[in-house]
Amino acid sequence: MRIDFNSIKPLYMQIAEGIEDDIIKGVLKEGDQSYSQLTISKELNVNPATAAKGINVLVHKGILEKQRGLSMIVAAGAREKLLEEKKENIIYTLAQELIEEAQKVGMNQEAVIKLIHKIYDKGGNKENE
């Protein structure tokens, strides 16, 4: 997990998003013990309260839960919940922005879809063009 101290995004949100990314990637699986606030604070050189705030964001969302005798664990269904959230929020927002920009430069729907297919088929890597 990495954080950007120069970002306008609060550190605790970057921590929460970093944990979410690790859950989505399978680094942390459902039922696994999550990173502790002390581990996060030491590895990222942040205040333990900041790390705790990031963890609490995920507890509130139902992604992490406290298990008696252990620290936080990844909740059942957390990965699926995060994937749905990303699809509904992030991907939808990016698609809206893409369509708005395409319309500004005069691209029609067919041209946008063709471009998406081309990029998607190349794995999203511009250097493969």
C-alpha atoms as a PDB file:
ATOM      1  CA  MET A   1       0.000   0.000   0.000  1.00  0.00           C
ATOM      2  CA  ARG A   2       1.244   3.454  -0.887  1.00  0.00           C
ATOM      3  CA  ILE A   3       0.037   6.896   0.016  1.00  0.00           C
ATOM      4  CA  ASP A   4       0.753  10.253  -1.535  1.00  0.00           C
ATOM      5  CA  PHE A   5       1.503  12.938   1.045  1.00  0.00           C
ATOM      6  CA  ASN A   6       1.087  15.593  -1.674  1.00  0.00           C
ATOM      7  CA  SER A   7      -2.416  14.483  -2.643  1.00  0.00           C
ATOM      8  CA  ILE A   8      -5.452  16.552  -1.764  1.00  0.00           C
ATOM      9  CA  LYS A   9      -7.162  13.293  -0.755  1.00  0.00           C
ATOM     10  CA  PRO A  10      -6.965  12.824   3.042  1.00  0.00           C
ATOM     11  CA  LEU A  11      -4.440  10.253   4.254  1.00  0.00           C
ATOM     12  CA  TYR A  12      -7.079   8.192   6.051  1.00  0.00           C
ATOM     13  CA  MET A  13      -9.047   7.849   2.791  1.00  0.00           C
ATOM     14  CA  GLN A  14      -5.900   6.783   0.938  1.00  0.00           C
ATOM     15  CA  ILE A  15      -5.340   4.144   3.637  1.00  0.00           C
ATOM     16  CA  ALA A  16      -8.933   2.898   3.330  1.00  0.00           C
ATOM     17  CA  GLU A  17      -8.643   2.759  -0.462  1.00  0.00           C
ATOM     18  CA  GLY A  18      -5.314   0.928  -0.205  1.00  0.00           C
ATOM     19  CA  ILE A  19      -6.887  -1.761   1.964  1.00  0.00           C
ATOM     20  CA  GLU A  20      -9.845  -1.951  -0.424  1.00  0.00           C
ATOM     21  CA  ASP A  21      -7.461  -2.426  -3.358  1.00  0.00           C
ATOM     22  CA  ASP A  22      -5.684  -5.255  -1.518  1.00  0.00           C
ATOM     23  CA  ILE A  23      -9.043  -6.944  -0.909  1.00  0.00           C
ATOM     24  CA  ILE A  24     -10.049  -6.584  -4.566  1.00  0.00           C
ATOM     25  CA  LYS A  25      -6.657  -7.911  -5.751  1.00  0.00           C
ATOM     26  CA  GLY A  26      -6.913 -10.892  -3.381  1.00  0.00           C
ATOM     27  CA  VAL A  27      -3.931  -9.900  -1.233  1.00  0.00           C
ATOM     28  CA  LEU A  28      -6.413  -9.860   1.667  1.00  0.00           C
ATOM     29  CA  LYS A  29      -9.135 -12.494   1.478  1.00  0.00           C
ATOM     30  CA  GLU A  30     -12.432 -12.756   3.309  1.00  0.00           C
ATOM     31  CA  GLY A  31     -11.764 -13.958   6.848  1.00  0.00           C
ATOM     32  CA  ASP A  32      -8.119 -12.834   6.755  1.00  0.00           C
ATOM     33  CA  GLN A  33      -6.783 -10.601   9.457  1.00  0.00           C
ATOM     34  CA  SER A  34      -6.401  -7.068   8.095  1.00  0.00           C
ATOM     35  CA  TYR A  35      -3.526  -4.709   8.724  1.00  0.00           C
ATOM     36  CA  SER A  36      -3.459  -3.256  12.217  1.00  0.00           C
ATOM     37  CA  GLN A  37      -3.367   0.474  12.810  1.00  0.00           C
ATOM     38  CA  LEU A  38       0.117   0.117  14.307  1.00  0.00           C
ATOM     39  CA  THR A  39       1.402  -1.793  11.272  1.00  0.00           C
ATOM     40  CA  ILE A  40      -0.062   0.794   8.916  1.00  0.00           C
ATOM     41  CA  SER A  41       1.284   3.716  10.930  1.00  0.00           C
ATOM     42  CA  LYS A  42       4.798   2.251  11.053  1.00  0.00           C
ATOM     43  CA  GLU A  43       4.948   1.178   7.400  1.00  0.00           C
ATOM     44  CA  LEU A  44       3.481   4.400   6.033  1.00  0.00           C
ATOM     45  CA  ASN A  45       4.936   6.717   8.665  1.00  0.00           C
ATOM     46  CA  VAL A  46       1.555   8.159   9.648  1.00  0.00           C
ATOM     47  CA  ASN A  47      -0.092   8.839  12.982  1.00  0.00           C
ATOM     48  CA  PRO A  48      -1.815   5.736  14.441  1.00  0.00           C
ATOM     49  CA  ALA A  49      -5.016   7.778  14.793  1.00  0.00           C
ATOM     50  CA  THR A  50      -4.947   8.448  11.038  1.00  0.00           C
ATOM     51  CA  ALA A  51      -4.525   4.727  10.363  1.00  0.00           C
ATOM     52  CA  ALA A  52      -7.391   3.972  12.761  1.00  0.00           C
ATOM     53  CA  LYS A  53      -9.617   6.472  10.973  1.00  0.00           C
ATOM     54  CA  GLY A  54      -8.963   4.734   7.641  1.00  0.00           C
ATOM     55  CA  ILE A  55      -9.757   1.355   9.173  1.00  0.00           C
ATOM     56  CA  ASN A  56     -12.946   2.728  10.737  1.00  0.00           C
ATOM     57  CA  VAL A  57     -14.162   3.933   7.330  1.00  0.00           C
ATOM     58  CA  LEU A  58     -14.073   0.295   6.220  1.00  0.00           C
ATOM     59  CA  VAL A  59     -15.729  -0.945   9.400  1.00  0.00           C
ATOM     60  CA  HIS A  60     -18.551   1.522   8.817  1.00  0.00           C
ATOM     61  CA  LYS A  61     -18.931   0.257   5.223  1.00  0.00           C
ATOM     62  CA  GLY A  62     -19.044  -3.358   6.424  1.00  0.00           C
ATOM     63  CA  ILE A  63     -15.781  -4.265   4.680  1.00  0.00           C
ATOM     64  CA  LEU A  64     -13.841  -4.965   7.893  1.00  0.00           C
ATOM     65  CA  GLU A  65     -15.187  -6.280  11.160  1.00  0.00           C
ATOM     66  CA  LYS A  66     -13.808  -6.760  14.642  1.00  0.00           C
ATOM     67  CA  GLN A  67     -13.332 -10.384  15.603  1.00  0.00           C
ATOM     68  CA  ARG A  68     -13.057 -11.152  19.281  1.00  0.00           C
ATOM     69  CA  GLY A  69      -9.467 -11.760  20.304  1.00  0.00           C
ATOM     70  CA  LEU A  70      -8.084 -10.596  16.980  1.00  0.00           C
ATOM     71  CA  SER A  71      -7.805  -7.294  15.233  1.00  0.00           C
ATOM     72  CA  MET A  72      -9.932  -6.465  12.221  1.00  0.00           C
ATOM     73  CA  ILE A  73     -10.752  -9.166   9.703  1.00  0.00           C
ATOM     74  CA  VAL A  74     -12.043  -8.903   6.153  1.00  0.00           C
ATOM     75  CA  ALA A  75     -15.803  -9.378   6.313  1.00  0.00           C
ATOM     76  CA  ALA A  76     -17.639 -12.065   4.375  1.00  0.00           C
ATOM     77  CA  GLY A  77     -18.748 -10.680   1.013  1.00  0.00           C
ATOM     78  CA  ALA A  78     -16.332  -7.722   1.237  1.00  0.00           C
ATOM     79  CA  ARG A  79     -14.681  -8.286  -2.137  1.00  0.00           C
ATOM     80  CA  GLU A  80     -17.979  -8.599  -3.985  1.00  0.00           C
ATOM     81  CA  LYS A  81     -19.310  -5.514  -2.228  1.00  0.00           C
ATOM     82  CA  LEU A  82     -16.233  -3.506  -3.249  1.00  0.00           C
ATOM     83  CA  LEU A  83     -16.403  -4.712  -6.844  1.00  0.00           C
ATOM     84  CA  GLU A  84     -20.047  -3.671  -7.101  1.00  0.00           C
ATOM     85  CA  GLU A  85     -19.270  -0.297  -5.531  1.00  0.00           C
ATOM     86  CA  LYS A  86     -16.469   0.314  -8.034  1.00  0.00           C
ATOM     87  CA  LYS A  87     -18.665  -0.699 -10.960  1.00  0.00           C
ATOM     88  CA  GLU A  88     -21.540   1.482  -9.838  1.00  0.00           C
ATOM     89  CA  ASN A  89     -19.575   4.557  -8.811  1.00  0.00           C
ATOM     90  CA  ILE A  90     -16.150   4.789 -10.375  1.00  0.00           C
ATOM     91  CA  ILE A  91     -16.708   3.100 -13.730  1.00  0.00           C
ATOM     92  CA  TYR A  92     -20.025   4.882 -14.251  1.00  0.00           C
ATOM     93  CA  THR A  93     -18.450   8.258 -13.455  1.00  0.00           C
ATOM     94  CA  LEU A  94     -15.526   7.622 -15.798  1.00  0.00           C
ATOM     95  CA  ALA A  95     -17.895   6.557 -18.564  1.00  0.00           C
ATOM     96  CA  GLN A  96     -19.912   9.757 -18.101  1.00  0.00           C
ATOM     97  CA  GLU A  97     -16.748  11.851 -18.330  1.00  0.00           C
ATOM     98  CA  LEU A  98     -15.611   9.941 -21.416  1.00  0.00           C
ATOM     99  CA  ILE A  99     -18.919  10.530 -23.161  1.00  0.00           C
ATOM    100  CA  GLU A 100     -18.917  14.237 -22.295  1.00  0.00           C
ATOM    101  CA  GLU A 101     -15.377  14.685 -23.623  1.00  0.00           C
ATOM    102  CA  ALA A 102     -16.108  12.650 -26.747  1.00  0.00           C
ATOM    103  CA  GLN A 103     -19.129  14.819 -27.494  1.00  0.00           C
ATOM    104  CA  LYS A 104     -17.037  17.961 -27.045  1.00  0.00           C
ATOM    105  CA  VAL A 105     -14.652  16.815 -29.762  1.00  0.00           C
ATOM    106  CA  GLY A 106     -17.439  15.602 -32.035  1.00  0.00           C
ATOM    107  CA  MET A 107     -17.065  11.834 -31.639  1.00  0.00           C
ATOM    108  CA  ASN A 108     -20.249   9.846 -32.133  1.00  0.00           C
ATOM    109  CA  GLN A 109     -21.280   6.802 -30.115  1.00  0.00           C
ATOM    110  CA  GLU A 110     -19.974   4.355 -32.693  1.00  0.00           C
ATOM    111  CA  ALA A 111     -16.514   5.985 -32.719  1.00  0.00           C
ATOM    112  CA  VAL A 112     -16.317   5.933 -28.916  1.00  0.00           C
ATOM    113  CA  ILE A 113     -17.327   2.279 -28.739  1.00  0.00           C
ATOM    114  CA  LYS A 114     -14.813   1.382 -31.467  1.00  0.00           C
ATOM    115  CA  LEU A 115     -12.064   3.188 -29.541  1.00  0.00           C
ATOM    116  CA  ILE A 116     -13.006   1.414 -26.306  1.00  0.00           C
ATOM    117  CA  HIS A 117     -12.873  -1.965 -28.069  1.00  0.00           C
ATOM    118  CA  LYS A 118      -9.478  -1.150 -29.550  1.00  0.00           C
ATOM    119  CA  ILE A 119      -8.026  -0.107 -26.190  1.00  0.00           C
ATOM    120  CA  TYR A 120      -9.669  -2.967 -24.299  1.00  0.00           C
ATOM    121  CA  ASP A 121      -8.332  -5.549 -26.782  1.00  0.00           C
ATOM    122  CA  LYS A 122      -4.816  -4.202 -26.256  1.00  0.00           C
ATOM    123  CA  GLY A 123      -5.153  -4.557 -22.480  1.00  0.00           C
ATOM    124  CA  GLY A 124      -5.464  -0.814 -21.942  1.00  0.00           C
ATOM    125  CA  ASN A 125      -1.814  -0.313 -22.824  1.00  0.00           C
ATOM    126  CA  LYS A 126      -1.253   2.628 -25.164  1.00  0.00           C
ATOM    127  CA  GLU A 127       2.261   1.390 -26.016  1.00  0.00           C
ATOM    128  CA  ASN A 128       0.799  -1.706 -27.710  1.00  0.00           C
ATOM    129  CA  GLU A 129      -0.854   0.412 -30.427  1.00  0.00           C
END
